[in-house]
Amino acid sequence: MRRFLAYIGFTCAMAVAMTTSTLDAAEKPSRATNKPVADFEGEITAKAVRPHVEFLASRELKGRSGADARKAAQYIVAKFSKWGLKPLFGEDGFYQDIPMPAKEGEEMPDRRIFGRNLGAVLPGSDPKLRDEVLIVSAHYDHLGVRGGRIFAGADDNASGVSMMLEVARQLSKLDRPSKRSVAFVGFDLEERMLWGSRWFAAHPPWPIERVKMFITADMIGRSLGNLNLPTVFVMGSEHAPALKTALDGVGQPEGLEVARLGIDLVGTRSDYGPFRDRKIPFLFFSTGQHPDYHTPNDLPERIDFEKVARVSSLVLRLTKHIADEKSAPRWTDDLVPDIDEARAVHRIATLLLSADGDDRLSDVQRLVVSHTQTKAGQIVERKRMTAEERTWLTRMAQVLLLSVF
C-alpha cells in the first residue's frame, strides 16, 4: 500500500511540474466571492445533539446494520412523531421498504426487504409554494459488527442524523411553518453503494420534479485528517448560484469556518449522488475523513459536539432561508471557477505541512503538498482562478484524498 501511495504521489508531482508551465494560459477568470457577513447564535446546541449521537453509536445498536439498524430507525421515527411531523410515505407511514437489488439477468428478482428508508414532512404554509419540497437528510446505517468488533459509526453517520433530527425539531416549533414543505429523510444502506437513496430517488413519494433542494450531511463531528481545522466543507453550490448567494448571506456560527468546494473534487461519497444525477440542486456538508473512518474507533467520546451543533445550526438557518425564498434554486451546468476552492485547498496543504512533525507525509507526498500549497497560494493572492487552474486544483485535491487522508 505504501508503495502504491508513493506511486500516486510521484505521478501527481510530475503532473504538477508539467502543468505549472501552462497555468497562466488566458481563461475567463472567476469573480471573487463575498464572504458571509451575517452573524448568528446557533439555535442548536451541543447539549441537544449529544444524546442522539450517544444512543445511535451505543453498544446496544451494534453499529446499526441489519436488524440493529431497525432500532435506530425506531428511535428516529419516535422523535418525528413526538414533534408532530407527518409521515412521508402515505399508507406505509414513516417507512419505505427497500427490496434486494435485482441480480443481472435475474428473471424473478428477489423482492425480500433489504432495508428501510424513513421519512417525515412539515407541510408548507404557502398555497402556491407548499407543493415544492426541500429535503434534509442523513444516512443512519453503518457497518455493524465485523470480526467480533463493533463499528459504532459515531461520526459516520450518527453525527449527521443528529443534525437532521435537531433541524426537524427546530422547524417543528415555528409559529408559522415555512412556505415550502420540508421533508426529513433517513437513508438506509448508504454503506451498500447508496442503495437506500438510489431507491428513494427512483421511487419518491411525489414526482421528483417537486424536490427543489436536497441537503445531506455525512461526518460532521471531527476534522479532516485530525488537522486543527474548524471547518465544514460545503459542496454542490457550484451547480446552483442561489445556493452560493444563500451561503454568503446567512452567515456562520462563531467558531466555524465554511469552505465551499466543487463536488467534482471529491466525487460521489454520499447520498447526494442520485439527486445530483437528476440535476436537483443540492448541498453536501462534511467535516472530512479522519483516521477513525470505518474503524471501531469512531466512537462518541471522539466527537466534537460543539462542531456538530454549529454545522447543524448552519443547515437550519439555510433551510429556513431557502424554504421562504420567492424563487427556488435552479440547476446550472455552467460552472464558474470559485476562488473559495483554492483558499480551502491552500489551507489544508498549509496545515498538512505544519503538522508534518508526526511524519504523516512521505518525501514524495511532502513534495506534492508543497507544490499544491504554493500554486494554490498564488491563485488566492491573485484573487482569480482560470478554468485550466481549476482543472489542476481538482486533480490535486483528488490526489490528497487518495494518497494522504
Protein backbone atom coordinates (compact mmCIF):
# COMPACT_ATOMS: atom_id res chain seq x y z
CA MET A 1 0.00 0.00 0.00
CA ARG A 2 2.74 2.47 0.91
CA ARG A 3 4.46 1.78 -2.41
CA PHE A 4 1.14 2.38 -4.17
CA LEU A 5 0.65 5.72 -2.38
CA ALA A 6 4.20 6.74 -3.22
CA TYR A 7 3.48 5.93 -6.86
CA ILE A 8 0.39 8.15 -6.78
CA GLY A 9 2.42 10.93 -5.19
CA PHE A 10 5.20 10.64 -7.76
CA THR A 11 2.73 10.60 -10.66
CA CYS A 12 0.99 13.71 -9.36
CA ALA A 13 4.23 15.52 -8.63
CA MET A 14 5.09 15.01 -12.28
CA ALA A 15 1.64 16.31 -13.19
CA VAL A 16 2.27 19.42 -11.11
CA ALA A 17 5.57 20.04 -12.83
CA MET A 18 4.11 19.57 -16.29
CA THR A 19 1.02 21.64 -15.55
CA THR A 20 2.71 24.62 -13.91
CA SER A 21 4.09 25.91 -17.19
CA THR A 22 0.61 26.14 -18.69
CA LEU A 23 -1.33 27.59 -15.79
CA ASP A 24 -1.05 31.19 -16.93
CA ALA A 25 -2.96 30.50 -20.13
CA ALA A 26 -5.71 33.04 -20.68
CA GLU A 27 -9.09 31.83 -19.49
CA LYS A 28 -12.22 33.54 -18.30
CA PRO A 29 -11.40 34.39 -14.65
CA SER A 30 -13.72 33.75 -11.76
CA ARG A 31 -15.30 36.50 -9.72
CA ALA A 32 -14.10 36.74 -6.13
CA THR A 33 -16.96 35.72 -3.84
CA ASN A 34 -18.12 37.78 -0.90
CA LYS A 35 -17.62 36.18 2.48
CA PRO A 36 -20.66 35.76 4.76
CA VAL A 37 -21.42 38.95 6.63
CA ALA A 38 -24.30 37.92 8.87
CA ASP A 39 -23.65 36.61 12.36
CA PHE A 40 -25.92 34.43 14.43
CA GLU A 41 -26.10 32.49 17.64
CA GLY A 42 -26.55 28.80 16.90
CA GLU A 43 -30.10 27.72 17.69
CA ILE A 44 -28.90 24.12 18.01
CA THR A 45 -26.62 23.28 20.94
CA ALA A 46 -24.08 20.60 21.76
CA LYS A 47 -26.36 19.53 24.62
CA ALA A 48 -29.14 18.85 22.09
CA VAL A 49 -27.16 16.81 19.56
CA ARG A 50 -25.11 14.77 22.01
CA PRO A 51 -27.82 12.31 23.19
CA HIS A 52 -28.67 11.36 19.60
CA VAL A 53 -25.06 10.52 18.77
CA GLU A 54 -24.50 8.65 22.03
CA PHE A 55 -27.57 6.46 21.53
CA LEU A 56 -27.09 5.78 17.82
CA ALA A 57 -23.42 4.90 18.37
CA SER A 58 -24.01 2.91 21.55
CA ARG A 59 -23.09 -0.75 22.03
CA GLU A 60 -26.80 -1.53 22.15
CA LEU A 61 -27.18 -0.67 18.45
CA LYS A 62 -24.11 -2.69 17.42
CA GLY A 63 -23.14 -0.48 14.52
CA ARG A 64 -26.66 -0.02 13.02
CA SER A 65 -26.63 -2.76 10.41
CA GLY A 66 -29.38 -5.26 9.58
CA ALA A 67 -31.77 -5.86 12.48
CA ASP A 68 -29.82 -3.42 14.67
CA ALA A 69 -30.48 -0.64 12.15
CA ARG A 70 -34.19 -1.13 12.89
CA LYS A 71 -33.60 0.09 16.45
CA ALA A 72 -32.05 3.27 15.06
CA ALA A 73 -34.98 3.72 12.68
CA GLN A 74 -37.47 3.32 15.52
CA TYR A 75 -35.61 5.94 17.57
CA ILE A 76 -35.69 8.46 14.71
CA VAL A 77 -39.34 7.83 13.86
CA ALA A 78 -40.31 8.21 17.53
CA LYS A 79 -38.73 11.67 17.51
CA PHE A 80 -40.53 12.65 14.29
CA SER A 81 -43.84 11.53 15.77
CA LYS A 82 -43.22 13.28 19.10
CA TRP A 83 -42.57 16.59 17.36
CA GLY A 84 -45.74 16.37 15.25
CA LEU A 85 -44.20 15.70 11.83
CA LYS A 86 -46.42 13.91 9.32
CA PRO A 87 -45.48 10.51 7.84
CA LEU A 88 -43.91 10.87 4.39
CA PHE A 89 -44.92 7.60 2.74
CA GLY A 90 -48.71 7.66 2.81
CA GLU A 91 -50.23 4.30 3.78
CA ASP A 92 -46.77 2.97 4.68
CA GLY A 93 -46.38 5.75 7.23
CA PHE A 94 -42.85 6.77 8.17
CA TYR A 95 -41.17 3.83 6.42
CA GLN A 96 -40.20 2.99 2.85
CA ASP A 97 -39.20 -0.65 2.33
CA ILE A 98 -36.14 -1.23 0.14
CA PRO A 99 -36.09 -4.57 -1.74
CA MET A 100 -32.99 -6.58 -2.54
CA PRO A 101 -31.18 -5.30 -5.65
CA ALA A 102 -32.01 -7.42 -8.69
CA LYS A 103 -29.13 -9.53 -9.94
CA GLU A 104 -28.07 -9.13 -13.55
CA GLY A 105 -30.11 -11.43 -15.79
CA GLU A 106 -32.40 -12.48 -12.94
CA GLU A 107 -35.85 -13.32 -14.35
CA MET A 108 -37.58 -13.41 -10.97
CA PRO A 109 -35.87 -10.74 -8.83
CA ASP A 110 -35.56 -11.40 -5.12
CA ARG A 111 -38.01 -8.95 -3.56
CA ARG A 112 -37.12 -9.62 0.06
CA ILE A 113 -36.86 -6.46 2.15
CA PHE A 114 -33.21 -5.42 2.29
CA GLY A 115 -33.53 -2.21 4.29
CA ARG A 116 -35.82 0.69 5.18
CA ASN A 117 -35.70 4.37 4.44
CA LEU A 118 -37.70 6.54 6.80
CA GLY A 119 -39.18 9.98 6.38
CA ALA A 120 -41.41 12.70 7.73
CA VAL A 121 -42.61 16.05 6.43
CA LEU A 122 -43.55 19.50 7.65
CA PRO A 123 -46.12 20.73 5.08
CA GLY A 124 -45.57 24.23 3.74
CA SER A 125 -47.83 27.14 4.64
CA ASP A 126 -47.97 28.94 1.28
CA PRO A 127 -50.75 27.70 -1.05
CA LYS A 128 -48.59 28.43 -4.10
CA LEU A 129 -45.31 27.01 -2.78
CA ARG A 130 -46.27 24.14 -0.46
CA ASP A 131 -46.04 21.61 -3.30
CA GLU A 132 -42.33 22.42 -3.62
CA VAL A 133 -40.18 20.29 -1.31
CA LEU A 134 -36.81 20.71 0.36
CA ILE A 135 -35.18 17.54 1.69
CA VAL A 136 -32.90 17.49 4.75
CA SER A 137 -31.32 14.06 5.09
CA ALA A 138 -28.67 11.80 6.59
CA HIS A 139 -27.95 8.08 6.35
CA TYR A 140 -28.47 6.21 9.62
CA ASP A 141 -26.89 2.84 8.79
CA HIS A 142 -23.29 1.80 9.42
CA LEU A 143 -21.06 -1.29 9.21
CA GLY A 144 -22.34 -3.36 12.12
CA VAL A 145 -20.16 -5.98 13.81
CA ARG A 146 -17.13 -7.32 11.97
CA GLY A 147 -14.58 -9.73 13.31
CA GLY A 148 -16.28 -9.55 16.68
CA ARG A 149 -15.78 -5.77 16.93
CA ILE A 150 -18.50 -3.12 16.83
CA PHE A 151 -18.15 -0.38 14.22
CA ALA A 152 -20.17 2.20 16.13
CA GLY A 153 -20.16 4.94 13.47
CA ALA A 154 -20.39 7.95 15.77
CA ASP A 155 -19.20 10.38 13.13
CA ASP A 156 -20.31 8.15 10.24
CA ASN A 157 -23.10 8.98 10.50
CA ALA A 158 -24.73 9.41 13.89
CA SER A 159 -23.44 12.99 13.69
CA GLY A 160 -25.40 13.67 10.50
CA VAL A 161 -28.56 12.07 11.89
CA SER A 162 -28.34 14.29 14.97
CA MET A 163 -28.28 17.29 12.63
CA MET A 164 -31.36 16.07 10.76
CA LEU A 165 -33.25 15.46 14.00
CA GLU A 166 -32.45 18.81 15.56
CA VAL A 167 -33.28 20.73 12.37
CA ALA A 168 -36.62 18.91 12.33
CA ARG A 169 -37.22 19.77 15.99
CA GLN A 170 -36.46 23.46 15.48
CA LEU A 171 -38.60 23.79 12.36
CA SER A 172 -41.49 21.98 14.04
CA LYS A 173 -41.54 24.69 16.75
CA LEU A 174 -42.02 27.62 14.35
CA ASP A 175 -45.18 29.66 14.91
CA ARG A 176 -45.64 29.81 11.13
CA PRO A 177 -44.42 26.87 9.05
CA SER A 178 -42.08 27.58 6.18
CA LYS A 179 -43.68 28.46 2.84
CA ARG A 180 -42.29 25.35 1.16
CA SER A 181 -42.65 21.85 2.55
CA VAL A 182 -39.58 20.40 4.28
CA ALA A 183 -39.08 16.63 4.29
CA PHE A 184 -36.66 14.78 6.55
CA VAL A 185 -35.31 11.51 5.18
CA GLY A 186 -33.12 8.96 6.94
CA PHE A 187 -31.49 6.73 4.35
CA ASP A 188 -30.61 3.11 4.97
CA LEU A 189 -27.92 1.17 3.08
CA GLU A 190 -25.69 4.13 2.27
CA GLU A 191 -22.80 1.84 3.14
CA ARG A 192 -24.10 -0.54 0.44
CA MET A 193 -23.49 1.53 -2.68
CA LEU A 194 -26.05 4.22 -1.71
CA TRP A 195 -28.83 1.70 -2.28
CA GLY A 196 -31.27 3.48 0.05
CA SER A 197 -31.02 6.92 -1.57
CA ARG A 198 -30.93 5.37 -5.04
CA TRP A 199 -34.20 3.57 -4.30
CA PHE A 200 -35.80 6.71 -2.84
CA ALA A 201 -34.82 8.88 -5.82
CA ALA A 202 -36.26 6.27 -8.19
CA HIS A 203 -39.43 5.77 -6.07
CA PRO A 204 -40.17 9.13 -4.40
CA PRO A 205 -43.45 9.79 -2.56
CA TRP A 206 -44.21 12.60 -5.01
CA PRO A 207 -42.95 13.50 -8.52
CA ILE A 208 -39.20 14.05 -8.16
CA GLU A 209 -39.54 17.38 -10.00
CA ARG A 210 -41.15 18.80 -6.86
CA VAL A 211 -37.83 18.49 -4.99
CA LYS A 212 -36.22 21.93 -5.25
CA MET A 213 -33.23 21.36 -2.94
CA PHE A 214 -31.55 18.37 -1.34
CA ILE A 215 -29.30 18.65 1.72
CA THR A 216 -27.35 15.82 3.30
CA ALA A 217 -24.68 15.69 6.00
CA ASP A 218 -22.20 12.86 6.42
CA MET A 219 -19.50 13.02 9.10
CA ILE A 220 -19.76 16.48 10.67
CA GLY A 221 -18.23 15.85 14.09
CA ARG A 222 -14.49 15.54 13.52
CA SER A 223 -11.83 17.16 11.32
CA LEU A 224 -10.18 16.27 8.04
CA GLY A 225 -7.16 14.11 8.86
CA ASN A 226 -7.43 15.18 12.53
CA LEU A 227 -5.94 18.52 11.47
CA ASN A 228 -6.58 21.62 13.57
CA LEU A 229 -9.27 22.71 11.15
CA PRO A 230 -12.54 24.24 12.48
CA THR A 231 -14.05 23.81 9.04
CA VAL A 232 -17.10 22.31 7.41
CA PHE A 233 -16.80 21.66 3.70
CA VAL A 234 -19.94 22.53 1.74
CA MET A 235 -20.14 21.04 -1.73
CA GLY A 236 -22.66 21.41 -4.55
CA SER A 237 -23.36 25.14 -4.58
CA GLU A 238 -21.44 25.49 -7.85
CA HIS A 239 -24.48 23.98 -9.59
CA ALA A 240 -26.97 26.50 -8.16
CA PRO A 241 -26.00 30.20 -7.94
CA ALA A 242 -28.86 30.84 -5.50
CA LEU A 243 -27.24 28.45 -3.02
CA LYS A 244 -23.94 30.33 -3.24
CA THR A 245 -25.80 33.57 -2.53
CA ALA A 246 -27.65 31.98 0.37
CA LEU A 247 -24.46 30.60 1.92
CA ASP A 248 -22.87 34.04 1.67
CA GLY A 249 -25.92 35.71 3.19
CA VAL A 250 -26.97 33.55 6.14
CA GLY A 251 -23.65 33.86 7.96
CA GLN A 252 -21.97 31.20 10.04
CA PRO A 253 -21.79 30.33 13.74
CA GLU A 254 -18.82 31.64 15.67
CA GLY A 255 -16.01 29.11 15.69
CA LEU A 256 -16.96 27.51 12.37
CA GLU A 257 -15.28 28.09 9.02
CA VAL A 258 -17.32 27.34 5.90
CA ALA A 259 -15.30 26.22 2.89
CA ARG A 260 -17.09 25.83 -0.43
CA LEU A 261 -15.77 23.11 -2.70
CA GLY A 262 -16.95 21.74 -6.04
CA ILE A 263 -18.38 18.25 -5.75
CA ASP A 264 -16.05 17.03 -8.50
CA LEU A 265 -13.15 17.47 -6.08
CA VAL A 266 -14.41 14.51 -4.05
CA GLY A 267 -16.63 12.53 -6.44
CA THR A 268 -19.64 10.54 -5.20
CA ARG A 269 -19.15 9.88 -1.49
CA SER A 270 -22.65 10.07 -0.02
CA ASP A 271 -26.38 10.19 -0.69
CA TYR A 272 -26.35 13.34 -2.81
CA GLY A 273 -25.28 11.19 -5.78
CA PRO A 274 -28.75 10.11 -7.04
CA PHE A 275 -30.07 13.68 -6.70
CA ARG A 276 -27.06 15.28 -8.38
CA ASP A 277 -27.52 12.81 -11.25
CA ARG A 278 -31.09 14.10 -11.65
CA LYS A 279 -29.85 17.71 -11.63
CA ILE A 280 -31.58 18.62 -8.39
CA PRO A 281 -29.77 21.48 -6.57
CA PHE A 282 -28.00 20.00 -3.56
CA LEU A 283 -25.57 20.72 -0.74
CA PHE A 284 -23.33 18.17 0.96
CA PHE A 285 -21.95 19.05 4.41
CA SER A 286 -18.92 17.21 5.83
CA THR A 287 -16.01 18.00 8.12
CA GLY A 288 -13.92 15.41 6.29
CA GLN A 289 -12.40 11.98 6.60
CA HIS A 290 -10.20 11.14 9.60
CA PRO A 291 -8.09 8.15 10.74
CA ASP A 292 -11.02 6.56 12.62
CA TYR A 293 -13.20 6.44 9.49
CA HIS A 294 -14.66 2.92 9.06
CA THR A 295 -12.82 1.62 12.13
CA PRO A 296 -14.08 0.53 15.58
CA ASN A 297 -12.53 3.76 16.94
CA ASP A 298 -15.26 6.00 15.51
CA LEU A 299 -16.76 6.49 18.97
CA PRO A 300 -18.95 9.14 20.67
CA GLU A 301 -16.16 10.25 23.01
CA ARG A 302 -14.15 11.39 19.99
CA ILE A 303 -16.90 13.63 18.61
CA ASP A 304 -16.65 17.42 18.75
CA PHE A 305 -20.26 18.08 19.75
CA GLU A 306 -19.82 21.85 19.54
CA LYS A 307 -18.86 21.46 15.89
CA VAL A 308 -21.85 19.20 15.21
CA ALA A 309 -24.10 21.84 16.77
CA ARG A 310 -22.56 24.66 14.72
CA VAL A 311 -22.93 22.77 11.44
CA SER A 312 -26.50 21.84 12.38
CA SER A 313 -27.34 25.46 13.13
CA LEU A 314 -25.96 26.46 9.74
CA VAL A 315 -28.11 23.84 7.99
CA LEU A 316 -31.15 25.04 9.95
CA ARG A 317 -30.70 28.66 9.02
CA LEU A 318 -30.01 27.82 5.38
CA THR A 319 -33.07 25.56 5.17
CA LYS A 320 -35.33 28.23 6.66
CA HIS A 321 -33.94 30.80 4.22
CA ILE A 322 -34.45 28.68 1.09
CA ALA A 323 -37.85 27.45 2.25
CA ASP A 324 -39.17 31.02 2.37
CA GLU A 325 -37.49 32.47 -0.73
CA LYS A 326 -39.70 33.65 -3.60
CA SER A 327 -37.82 31.52 -6.12
CA ALA A 328 -36.36 28.07 -5.62
CA PRO A 329 -32.71 27.32 -6.55
CA ARG A 330 -32.14 26.33 -10.17
CA TRP A 331 -29.60 23.89 -11.52
CA THR A 332 -26.88 25.03 -13.90
CA ASP A 333 -24.21 23.13 -15.80
CA ASP A 334 -22.26 26.35 -16.47
CA LEU A 335 -19.61 26.33 -13.75
CA VAL A 336 -17.51 29.38 -12.87
CA PRO A 337 -14.22 28.76 -11.04
CA ASP A 338 -14.63 29.75 -7.40
CA ILE A 339 -11.68 31.26 -5.52
CA ASP A 340 -13.02 29.70 -2.28
CA GLU A 341 -11.89 26.30 -3.56
CA ALA A 342 -8.30 27.50 -3.88
CA ARG A 343 -8.50 29.01 -0.38
CA ALA A 344 -9.66 25.71 1.08
CA VAL A 345 -7.02 23.60 -0.67
CA HIS A 346 -4.28 26.09 0.30
CA ARG A 347 -5.41 25.98 3.94
CA ILE A 348 -5.38 22.18 4.02
CA ALA A 349 -1.95 21.98 2.38
CA THR A 350 -0.55 24.53 4.83
CA LEU A 351 -1.88 22.60 7.82
CA LEU A 352 -0.52 19.33 6.45
CA LEU A 353 2.96 20.82 6.16
CA SER A 354 2.83 22.40 9.61
CA ALA A 355 1.64 19.10 11.15
CA ASP A 356 4.33 17.05 9.42
CA GLY A 357 6.31 16.65 12.62
CA ASP A 358 4.41 13.39 13.15
CA ASP A 359 5.88 12.04 9.89
CA ARG A 360 2.46 11.66 8.32
CA LEU A 361 3.93 12.51 4.88
CA SER A 362 6.47 10.60 2.84
CA ASP A 363 9.09 12.64 0.97
CA VAL A 364 7.13 12.37 -2.27
CA GLN A 365 3.85 13.28 -0.57
CA ARG A 366 5.51 16.29 1.07
CA LEU A 367 6.70 17.44 -2.36
CA VAL A 368 3.18 17.16 -3.80
CA VAL A 369 1.63 19.01 -0.85
CA SER A 370 4.27 21.75 -1.05
CA HIS A 371 3.64 22.25 -4.79
CA THR A 372 -0.10 22.36 -4.11
CA GLN A 373 0.31 24.92 -1.32
CA THR A 374 2.49 27.18 -3.46
CA LYS A 375 0.28 27.18 -6.57
CA ALA A 376 -2.99 27.45 -4.65
CA GLY A 377 -1.48 30.35 -2.68
CA GLN A 378 -0.62 32.14 -5.92
CA ILE A 379 -4.22 31.76 -7.10
CA VAL A 380 -5.57 33.13 -3.82
CA GLU A 381 -3.16 36.08 -3.87
CA ARG A 382 -4.16 36.91 -7.44
CA LYS A 383 -7.86 36.66 -6.45
CA ARG A 384 -8.93 34.92 -9.62
CA MET A 385 -8.79 31.41 -10.98
CA THR A 386 -8.92 30.24 -14.59
CA ALA A 387 -10.78 27.16 -15.78
CA GLU A 388 -7.47 25.46 -16.51
CA GLU A 389 -6.23 26.18 -13.00
CA ARG A 390 -9.40 24.71 -11.58
CA THR A 391 -8.78 21.51 -13.52
CA TRP A 392 -5.35 21.35 -11.90
CA LEU A 393 -6.84 22.13 -8.46
CA THR A 394 -9.37 19.33 -8.85
CA ARG A 395 -6.61 16.88 -9.72
CA MET A 396 -4.55 17.90 -6.70
CA ALA A 397 -7.49 17.68 -4.31
CA GLN A 398 -8.24 14.16 -5.51
CA VAL A 399 -4.58 13.23 -5.05
CA LEU A 400 -4.60 14.48 -1.45
CA LEU A 401 -7.71 12.44 -0.69
CA LEU A 402 -6.23 9.30 -2.23
CA SER A 403 -2.67 9.46 -1.02
CA VAL A 404 -2.66 11.40 2.27
CA PHE A 405 -6.03 11.08 4.05
